[in-house]
């Protein structure tokens, strides 16, 4: 039980550290222009991806199945990220 609690504390810390990268870049460059909603959406996306991978690692016992399901979780993350960034599929939430 202690390991699960530790993971639930580490994942948000990693998400916060990753969100510091564009925040710090905004201080030095005008090319990085994130809004508050960008940080919120990316934070949610990273948090759900981290929790999904954590769930796969704790609940799936086979290494092969872990790799496949973890790959699917990452693929979904990258597809949503690409759609939000540049509108690869042209959906209404692409921001275009």
Protein backbone atom coordinates (compact mmCIF):
# COMPACT_ATOMS: atom_id res chain seq x y z
CA UNK A 1 0.00 0.00 0.00
CA UNK A 2 2.90 2.36 0.70
CA UNK A 3 4.25 1.99 -2.85
CA UNK A 4 0.93 3.10 -4.39
CA UNK A 5 0.80 6.19 -2.17
CA UNK A 6 4.39 7.04 -3.07
CA UNK A 7 3.61 6.75 -6.79
CA UNK A 8 0.60 9.01 -6.46
CA UNK A 9 2.88 11.65 -4.93
CA UNK A 10 5.70 11.22 -7.44
CA UNK A 11 3.53 11.46 -10.58
CA UNK A 12 2.20 14.98 -9.86
CA UNK A 13 5.72 16.11 -8.97
CA UNK A 14 7.03 14.86 -12.31
CA UNK A 15 4.12 16.55 -14.11
CA UNK A 16 4.92 19.81 -12.33
CA UNK A 17 8.59 19.51 -13.26
CA UNK A 18 7.70 18.91 -16.90
CA UNK A 19 5.39 21.93 -16.91
CA UNK A 20 8.24 24.06 -15.60
CA UNK A 21 10.07 23.60 -18.91
CA UNK A 22 7.70 25.75 -21.02
CA UNK A 23 7.20 28.14 -18.08
CA UNK A 24 10.92 28.82 -17.84
CA UNK A 25 11.23 28.98 -21.64
CA UNK A 26 8.54 31.69 -21.68
CA UNK A 27 10.81 33.85 -19.53
CA UNK A 28 13.61 33.79 -22.10
CA UNK A 29 11.86 33.58 -25.47
CA UNK A 30 8.80 35.13 -27.06
CA UNK A 31 8.42 32.05 -29.27
CA UNK A 32 6.98 30.06 -26.37
CA UNK A 33 3.60 31.60 -25.61
CA UNK A 34 1.51 29.32 -23.43
CA UNK A 35 -1.67 30.52 -21.74
CA UNK A 36 -3.06 29.33 -18.42
CA UNK A 37 -5.42 26.99 -20.28
CA UNK A 38 -2.45 25.45 -22.12
CA UNK A 39 -0.80 24.63 -18.79
CA UNK A 40 -4.03 23.22 -17.36
CA UNK A 41 -4.77 21.04 -20.39
CA UNK A 42 -1.22 19.72 -20.64
CA UNK A 43 -1.12 19.11 -16.89
CA UNK A 44 -4.31 17.05 -17.09
CA UNK A 45 -3.03 15.17 -20.13
CA UNK A 46 0.31 14.38 -18.48
CA UNK A 47 -1.36 13.43 -15.20
CA UNK A 48 -3.76 10.98 -16.83
CA UNK A 49 -0.95 9.50 -18.91
CA UNK A 50 1.23 9.03 -15.84
CA UNK A 51 -1.60 7.50 -13.84
CA UNK A 52 -2.50 5.24 -16.79
CA UNK A 53 1.04 3.96 -17.10
CA UNK A 54 1.21 3.47 -13.34
CA UNK A 55 -2.04 1.48 -13.49
CA UNK A 56 -0.66 -0.70 -16.29
CA UNK A 57 2.56 -1.34 -14.37
CA UNK A 58 0.74 -2.31 -11.17
CA UNK A 59 -2.17 -4.33 -12.58
CA UNK A 60 -0.73 -6.16 -15.61
CA UNK A 61 1.59 -9.02 -14.75
CA UNK A 62 2.93 -10.08 -18.16
CA UNK A 63 5.86 -8.02 -19.48
CA UNK A 64 4.62 -8.41 -23.05
CA UNK A 65 1.15 -7.14 -22.16
CA UNK A 66 2.64 -4.28 -20.11
CA UNK A 67 4.65 -3.18 -23.13
CA UNK A 68 1.67 -3.39 -25.49
CA UNK A 69 -0.81 -1.61 -23.21
CA UNK A 70 1.78 0.96 -22.11
CA UNK A 71 2.54 1.63 -25.77
CA UNK A 72 -1.15 2.16 -26.44
CA UNK A 73 -1.38 4.63 -23.54
CA UNK A 74 1.62 6.56 -24.90
CA UNK A 75 0.28 6.46 -28.46
CA UNK A 76 -3.04 7.94 -27.31
CA UNK A 77 -1.13 10.63 -25.40
CA UNK A 78 0.95 11.56 -28.46
CA UNK A 79 -2.07 11.57 -30.78
CA UNK A 80 -4.04 13.88 -28.47
CA UNK A 81 -0.99 16.10 -28.00
CA UNK A 82 -0.42 16.36 -31.76
CA UNK A 83 -4.08 17.11 -32.38
CA UNK A 84 -4.13 19.85 -29.77
CA UNK A 85 -0.87 21.33 -31.04
CA UNK A 86 -1.36 21.42 -34.81
CA UNK A 87 -4.72 19.83 -35.64
CA UNK A 88 -3.51 16.67 -37.39
CA UNK A 89 -7.03 15.24 -37.74
CA UNK A 90 -8.97 18.49 -38.01
CA UNK A 91 -11.27 17.92 -35.04
CA UNK A 92 -13.11 20.87 -33.47
CA UNK A 93 -10.94 20.85 -30.32
CA UNK A 94 -7.72 21.24 -32.34
CA UNK A 95 -7.53 24.94 -31.61
CA UNK A 96 -7.60 25.95 -35.26
